[in-house]
Amino acid sequence: MADNAAAAIETVGARIRAARLARGMTQSDLAEAVQVSRSAVAQWETERSGQVRANLTRIANVLMVTVQHLLTGQPDGAPLGPENATEQALLRLYRACTEDDRAFLLRTATRLARAADRERK
């Protein structure tokens, strides 16, 4: 049985699931972000669908891992992102914004970070 568990973690579906959980996302969250059904995500995670490859780049982008990590499990694709609940909340809000709003947020965050740097000096 331990061999089956070890083998399962070596599948693309298991790596999608692990990265999704590391992001604190539900299957529905991932499905909405990738623009597929929740059942499609469930099928990917349980290796019941061959359609995962067509969506792999979008899945990797949403989960903030590399396609290479999803395909091979190489650790250089470990999830990047929020260190705490506040950062995770900000990331979810950012993802809900339009491209124009994202650009505005980036400019604003850059100005705030520079101001904070000046205050520290």
N, C-alpha and C. Protein backbone atom coordinates (compact mmCIF):
# COMPACT_ATOMS: atom_id res chain seq x y z
N MET A 1 0.81 -1.19 0.00
CA MET A 1 0.00 0.00 0.00
C MET A 1 0.86 1.26 0.00
N ALA A 2 1.96 1.23 0.72
CA ALA A 2 2.88 2.37 0.74
C ALA A 2 3.43 2.62 -0.66
N ASP A 3 3.64 1.54 -1.43
CA ASP A 3 4.13 1.70 -2.79
C ASP A 3 3.11 2.44 -3.65
N ASN A 4 1.81 2.15 -3.46
CA ASN A 4 0.77 2.84 -4.21
C ASN A 4 0.74 4.32 -3.87
N ALA A 5 0.91 4.66 -2.58
CA ALA A 5 0.91 6.06 -2.16
C ALA A 5 2.10 6.78 -2.78
N ALA A 6 3.24 6.15 -2.79
CA ALA A 6 4.43 6.76 -3.39
C ALA A 6 4.23 6.95 -4.88
N ALA A 7 3.63 5.98 -5.54
CA ALA A 7 3.39 6.08 -6.97
C ALA A 7 2.39 7.19 -7.28
N ALA A 8 1.37 7.35 -6.42
CA ALA A 8 0.34 8.36 -6.65
C ALA A 8 0.94 9.77 -6.63
N ILE A 9 1.88 10.03 -5.75
CA ILE A 9 2.48 11.36 -5.67
C ILE A 9 3.33 11.64 -6.91
N GLU A 10 3.65 10.63 -7.65
CA GLU A 10 4.46 10.80 -8.85
C GLU A 10 3.62 11.05 -10.09
N THR A 11 2.33 11.20 -9.96
CA THR A 11 1.49 11.45 -11.12
C THR A 11 1.25 12.95 -11.30
N VAL A 12 0.95 13.34 -12.52
CA VAL A 12 0.61 14.74 -12.80
C VAL A 12 -0.59 15.15 -11.94
N GLY A 13 -1.58 14.30 -11.88
CA GLY A 13 -2.78 14.62 -11.10
C GLY A 13 -2.49 14.85 -9.63
N ALA A 14 -1.63 14.03 -9.06
CA ALA A 14 -1.27 14.19 -7.65
C ALA A 14 -0.51 15.49 -7.43
N ARG A 15 0.32 15.86 -8.39
CA ARG A 15 1.06 17.12 -8.26
C ARG A 15 0.13 18.33 -8.43
N ILE A 16 -0.85 18.23 -9.31
CA ILE A 16 -1.85 19.30 -9.43
C ILE A 16 -2.58 19.46 -8.10
N ARG A 17 -3.01 18.35 -7.54
CA ARG A 17 -3.73 18.40 -6.26
C ARG A 17 -2.87 19.00 -5.16
N ALA A 18 -1.62 18.55 -5.05
CA ALA A 18 -0.73 19.05 -4.01
C ALA A 18 -0.48 20.55 -4.17
N ALA A 19 -0.27 21.01 -5.40
CA ALA A 19 -0.05 22.44 -5.63
C ALA A 19 -1.31 23.25 -5.34
N ARG A 20 -2.46 22.69 -5.70
CA ARG A 20 -3.75 23.36 -5.43
C ARG A 20 -3.94 23.53 -3.94
N LEU A 21 -3.72 22.46 -3.19
CA LEU A 21 -3.88 22.52 -1.74
C LEU A 21 -2.86 23.46 -1.11
N ALA A 22 -1.64 23.48 -1.64
CA ALA A 22 -0.62 24.39 -1.12
C ALA A 22 -1.02 25.85 -1.33
N ARG A 23 -1.80 26.13 -2.37
CA ARG A 23 -2.30 27.48 -2.65
C ARG A 23 -3.54 27.78 -1.82
N GLY A 24 -4.08 26.78 -1.13
CA GLY A 24 -5.29 26.99 -0.35
C GLY A 24 -6.53 27.09 -1.23
N MET A 25 -6.48 26.46 -2.39
CA MET A 25 -7.58 26.53 -3.34
C MET A 25 -8.44 25.26 -3.29
N THR A 26 -9.71 25.43 -3.56
CA THR A 26 -10.59 24.29 -3.74
C THR A 26 -10.55 23.88 -5.20
N GLN A 27 -11.14 22.74 -5.51
CA GLN A 27 -11.25 22.34 -6.91
C GLN A 27 -12.06 23.38 -7.68
N SER A 28 -13.09 23.91 -7.06
CA SER A 28 -13.92 24.93 -7.71
C SER A 28 -13.12 26.20 -7.99
N ASP A 29 -12.25 26.60 -7.05
CA ASP A 29 -11.40 27.78 -7.26
C ASP A 29 -10.52 27.58 -8.49
N LEU A 30 -9.86 26.42 -8.55
CA LEU A 30 -8.97 26.13 -9.67
C LEU A 30 -9.75 26.07 -10.98
N ALA A 31 -10.90 25.42 -10.94
CA ALA A 31 -11.73 25.30 -12.14
C ALA A 31 -12.12 26.67 -12.67
N GLU A 32 -12.53 27.56 -11.79
CA GLU A 32 -12.91 28.91 -12.21
C GLU A 32 -11.72 29.66 -12.80
N ALA A 33 -10.57 29.54 -12.16
CA ALA A 33 -9.37 30.25 -12.64
C ALA A 33 -8.90 29.74 -14.00
N VAL A 34 -9.05 28.44 -14.24
CA VAL A 34 -8.60 27.84 -15.50
C VAL A 34 -9.71 27.83 -16.55
N GLN A 35 -10.92 28.17 -16.11
CA GLN A 35 -12.11 28.22 -16.97
C GLN A 35 -12.52 26.85 -17.49
N VAL A 36 -12.61 25.91 -16.54
CA VAL A 36 -13.12 24.57 -16.82
C VAL A 36 -14.11 24.22 -15.72
N SER A 37 -14.72 23.05 -15.81
CA SER A 37 -15.65 22.63 -14.77
C SER A 37 -14.90 22.04 -13.58
N ARG A 38 -15.56 22.03 -12.43
CA ARG A 38 -14.96 21.43 -11.24
C ARG A 38 -14.72 19.95 -11.46
N SER A 39 -15.61 19.31 -12.20
CA SER A 39 -15.42 17.88 -12.46
C SER A 39 -14.19 17.63 -13.33
N ALA A 40 -13.83 18.57 -14.19
CA ALA A 40 -12.61 18.42 -14.99
C ALA A 40 -11.39 18.41 -14.07
N VAL A 41 -11.37 19.29 -13.07
CA VAL A 41 -10.27 19.32 -12.11
C VAL A 41 -10.21 18.00 -11.34
N ALA A 42 -11.37 17.52 -10.91
CA ALA A 42 -11.41 16.24 -10.19
C ALA A 42 -10.87 15.11 -11.07
N GLN A 43 -11.21 15.13 -12.34
CA GLN A 43 -10.72 14.10 -13.27
C GLN A 43 -9.21 14.20 -13.46
N TRP A 44 -8.68 15.43 -13.55
CA TRP A 44 -7.23 15.59 -13.68
C TRP A 44 -6.53 14.99 -12.47
N GLU A 45 -7.05 15.33 -11.30
CA GLU A 45 -6.39 14.92 -10.06
C GLU A 45 -6.45 13.42 -9.82
N THR A 46 -7.40 12.76 -10.43
CA THR A 46 -7.53 11.31 -10.25
C THR A 46 -7.10 10.54 -11.51
N GLU A 47 -6.46 11.26 -12.42
CA GLU A 47 -5.92 10.64 -13.64
C GLU A 47 -7.01 9.99 -14.50
N ARG A 48 -8.22 10.55 -14.50
CA ARG A 48 -9.30 9.98 -15.29
C ARG A 48 -9.57 10.76 -16.56
N SER A 49 -8.70 11.73 -16.88
CA SER A 49 -8.95 12.54 -18.07
C SER A 49 -7.65 12.81 -18.80
N GLY A 50 -7.70 12.68 -20.11
CA GLY A 50 -6.53 12.98 -20.92
C GLY A 50 -6.46 14.45 -21.31
N GLN A 51 -7.41 15.27 -20.89
CA GLN A 51 -7.48 16.67 -21.29
C GLN A 51 -6.56 17.60 -20.49
N VAL A 52 -5.85 17.06 -19.51
CA VAL A 52 -5.02 17.91 -18.66
C VAL A 52 -3.91 18.58 -19.46
N ARG A 53 -3.33 17.91 -20.42
CA ARG A 53 -2.20 18.47 -21.18
C ARG A 53 -2.59 19.74 -21.93
N ALA A 54 -3.80 19.80 -22.43
CA ALA A 54 -4.25 20.98 -23.16
C ALA A 54 -4.34 22.21 -22.26
N ASN A 55 -4.49 21.99 -20.96
CA ASN A 55 -4.65 23.09 -20.00
C ASN A 55 -3.45 23.27 -19.08
N LEU A 56 -2.40 22.52 -19.31
CA LEU A 56 -1.28 22.47 -18.37
C LEU A 56 -0.64 23.84 -18.11
N THR A 57 -0.46 24.64 -19.12
CA THR A 57 0.16 25.95 -18.92
C THR A 57 -0.71 26.84 -18.06
N ARG A 58 -2.01 26.84 -18.32
CA ARG A 58 -2.92 27.65 -17.49
C ARG A 58 -2.96 27.14 -16.06
N ILE A 59 -2.97 25.82 -15.89
CA ILE A 59 -2.98 25.23 -14.54
C ILE A 59 -1.72 25.66 -13.79
N ALA A 60 -0.57 25.53 -14.44
CA ALA A 60 0.70 25.89 -13.80
C ALA A 60 0.72 27.36 -13.42
N ASN A 61 0.24 28.23 -14.31
CA ASN A 61 0.22 29.66 -14.01
C ASN A 61 -0.65 29.97 -12.80
N VAL A 62 -1.82 29.39 -12.77
CA VAL A 62 -2.74 29.63 -11.64
C VAL A 62 -2.15 29.10 -10.33
N LEU A 63 -1.52 27.94 -10.39
CA LEU A 63 -0.97 27.32 -9.18
C LEU A 63 0.43 27.84 -8.84
N MET A 64 0.95 28.71 -9.70
CA MET A 64 2.26 29.32 -9.48
C MET A 64 3.38 28.28 -9.36
N VAL A 65 3.32 27.30 -10.24
CA VAL A 65 4.39 26.31 -10.37
C VAL A 65 4.75 26.24 -11.85
N THR A 66 5.83 25.56 -12.15
CA THR A 66 6.20 25.41 -13.55
C THR A 66 5.50 24.20 -14.16
N VAL A 67 5.35 24.24 -15.47
CA VAL A 67 4.81 23.08 -16.18
C VAL A 67 5.74 21.90 -15.93
N GLN A 68 7.03 22.16 -15.93
CA GLN A 68 8.02 21.11 -15.67
C GLN A 68 7.76 20.42 -14.33
N HIS A 69 7.43 21.20 -13.31
CA HIS A 69 7.14 20.62 -12.00
C HIS A 69 5.92 19.70 -12.09
N LEU A 70 4.87 20.17 -12.76
CA LEU A 70 3.67 19.34 -12.87
C LEU A 70 3.95 18.05 -13.63
N LEU A 71 4.78 18.13 -14.64
CA LEU A 71 5.09 16.95 -15.44
C LEU A 71 6.06 15.99 -14.75
N THR A 72 7.06 16.54 -14.06
CA THR A 72 8.14 15.69 -13.53
C THR A 72 8.25 15.67 -12.02
N GLY A 73 7.67 16.66 -11.35
CA GLY A 73 7.80 16.74 -9.90
C GLY A 73 9.10 17.36 -9.43
N GLN A 74 9.87 17.94 -10.34
CA GLN A 74 11.13 18.56 -9.94
C GLN A 74 10.87 19.68 -8.94
N PRO A 75 11.65 19.72 -7.87
CA PRO A 75 11.39 20.68 -6.80
C PRO A 75 11.56 22.14 -7.17
N ASP A 76 12.27 22.44 -8.27
CA ASP A 76 12.43 23.85 -8.64
C ASP A 76 11.10 24.49 -9.00
N GLY A 77 10.04 23.69 -9.13
CA GLY A 77 8.72 24.23 -9.41
C GLY A 77 7.85 24.30 -8.18
N ALA A 78 8.47 24.27 -7.01
CA ALA A 78 7.68 24.34 -5.77
C ALA A 78 6.83 25.61 -5.78
N PRO A 79 5.66 25.54 -5.19
CA PRO A 79 4.76 26.70 -5.21
C PRO A 79 5.44 27.96 -4.67
N LEU A 80 5.23 29.05 -5.38
CA LEU A 80 5.69 30.35 -4.94
C LEU A 80 4.46 31.14 -4.54
N GLY A 81 4.62 32.05 -3.65
CA GLY A 81 3.47 32.87 -3.36
C GLY A 81 3.35 33.29 -1.94
N PRO A 82 2.12 33.46 -1.50
CA PRO A 82 1.86 34.09 -0.21
C PRO A 82 2.48 33.34 0.96
N GLU A 83 3.00 34.13 1.90
CA GLU A 83 3.60 33.56 3.10
C GLU A 83 2.62 33.48 4.25
N ASN A 84 1.48 34.20 4.12
CA ASN A 84 0.49 34.21 5.21
C ASN A 84 -0.89 34.48 4.63
N ALA A 85 -1.88 34.51 5.50
CA ALA A 85 -3.27 34.65 5.06
C ALA A 85 -3.52 36.02 4.41
N THR A 86 -2.88 37.05 4.90
CA THR A 86 -3.07 38.38 4.31
C THR A 86 -2.56 38.42 2.88
N GLU A 87 -1.36 37.87 2.66
CA GLU A 87 -0.83 37.83 1.30
C GLU A 87 -1.71 36.98 0.39
N GLN A 88 -2.24 35.90 0.92
CA GLN A 88 -3.10 35.04 0.11
C GLN A 88 -4.38 35.78 -0.26
N ALA A 89 -4.94 36.53 0.69
CA ALA A 89 -6.16 37.31 0.41
C ALA A 89 -5.88 38.36 -0.66
N LEU A 90 -4.73 39.03 -0.56
CA LEU A 90 -4.36 40.03 -1.57
C LEU A 90 -4.20 39.39 -2.94
N LEU A 91 -3.59 38.22 -2.98
CA LEU A 91 -3.39 37.53 -4.25
C LEU A 91 -4.74 37.16 -4.88
N ARG A 92 -5.66 36.66 -4.08
CA ARG A 92 -6.98 36.32 -4.64
C ARG A 92 -7.70 37.54 -5.17
N LEU A 93 -7.62 38.66 -4.44
CA LEU A 93 -8.23 39.90 -4.91
C LEU A 93 -7.57 40.38 -6.20
N TYR A 94 -6.24 40.31 -6.25
CA TYR A 94 -5.49 40.70 -7.45
C TYR A 94 -5.96 39.89 -8.65
N ARG A 95 -6.08 38.58 -8.46
CA ARG A 95 -6.49 37.72 -9.57
C ARG A 95 -7.89 38.04 -10.08
N ALA A 96 -8.72 38.64 -9.24
CA ALA A 96 -10.08 38.97 -9.63
C ALA A 96 -10.15 40.28 -10.41
N CYS A 97 -9.05 41.03 -10.46
CA CYS A 97 -9.02 42.33 -11.11
C CYS A 97 -8.82 42.21 -12.62
N THR A 98 -9.19 43.28 -13.30
CA THR A 98 -8.92 43.37 -14.74
C THR A 98 -7.43 43.64 -14.94
N GLU A 99 -6.97 43.51 -16.17
CA GLU A 99 -5.56 43.79 -16.48
C GLU A 99 -5.20 45.24 -16.16
N ASP A 100 -6.09 46.16 -16.49
CA ASP A 100 -5.83 47.58 -16.18
C ASP A 100 -5.72 47.80 -14.68
N ASP A 101 -6.61 47.19 -13.93
CA ASP A 101 -6.57 47.33 -12.47
C ASP A 101 -5.32 46.69 -11.89
N ARG A 102 -4.88 45.56 -12.48
CA ARG A 102 -3.64 44.92 -12.02
C ARG A 102 -2.45 45.84 -12.24
N ALA A 103 -2.41 46.51 -13.40
CA ALA A 103 -1.31 47.45 -13.68
C ALA A 103 -1.34 48.60 -12.68
N PHE A 104 -2.53 49.12 -12.37
CA PHE A 104 -2.66 50.19 -11.39
C PHE A 104 -2.18 49.71 -10.02
N LEU A 105 -2.57 48.52 -9.63
CA LEU A 105 -2.14 47.98 -8.33
C LEU A 105 -0.62 47.83 -8.26
N LEU A 106 -0.02 47.37 -9.34
CA LEU A 106 1.43 47.22 -9.36
C LEU A 106 2.14 48.57 -9.22
N ARG A 107 1.64 49.57 -9.94
CA ARG A 107 2.23 50.90 -9.82
C ARG A 107 2.09 51.44 -8.40
N THR A 108 0.91 51.25 -7.82
CA THR A 108 0.66 51.73 -6.46
C THR A 108 1.54 51.00 -5.45
N ALA A 109 1.64 49.69 -5.57
CA ALA A 109 2.48 48.91 -4.65
C ALA A 109 3.94 49.30 -4.78
N THR A 110 4.38 49.59 -6.00
CA THR A 110 5.77 50.01 -6.22
C THR A 110 6.02 51.34 -5.51
N ARG A 111 5.09 52.30 -5.66
CA ARG A 111 5.25 53.60 -4.98
C ARG A 111 5.26 53.43 -3.47
N LEU A 112 4.38 52.59 -2.93
CA LEU A 112 4.33 52.36 -1.48
C LEU A 112 5.62 51.71 -0.97
N ALA A 113 6.14 50.74 -1.72
CA ALA A 113 7.38 50.07 -1.32
C ALA A 113 8.55 51.04 -1.32
N ARG A 114 8.61 51.91 -2.33
CA ARG A 114 9.69 52.90 -2.39
C ARG A 114 9.60 53.88 -1.23
N ALA A 115 8.37 54.31 -0.92
CA ALA A 115 8.18 55.22 0.21
C ALA A 115 8.59 54.56 1.53
N ALA A 116 8.26 53.29 1.69
CA ALA A 116 8.64 52.56 2.89
C ALA A 116 10.16 52.43 2.99
N ASP A 117 10.82 52.20 1.86
CA ASP A 117 12.28 52.13 1.85
C ASP A 117 12.91 53.45 2.27
N ARG A 118 12.34 54.57 1.77
CA ARG A 118 12.87 55.89 2.13
C ARG A 118 12.69 56.15 3.63
N GLU A 119 11.55 55.73 4.18
CA GLU A 119 11.30 55.94 5.62
C GLU A 119 12.26 55.13 6.48
N ARG A 120 12.65 53.97 6.02
CA ARG A 120 13.57 53.12 6.79
C ARG A 120 14.99 53.70 6.82
N LYS A 121 15.32 54.52 5.82
CA LYS A 121 16.69 55.06 5.72
C LYS A 121 16.88 56.28 6.54
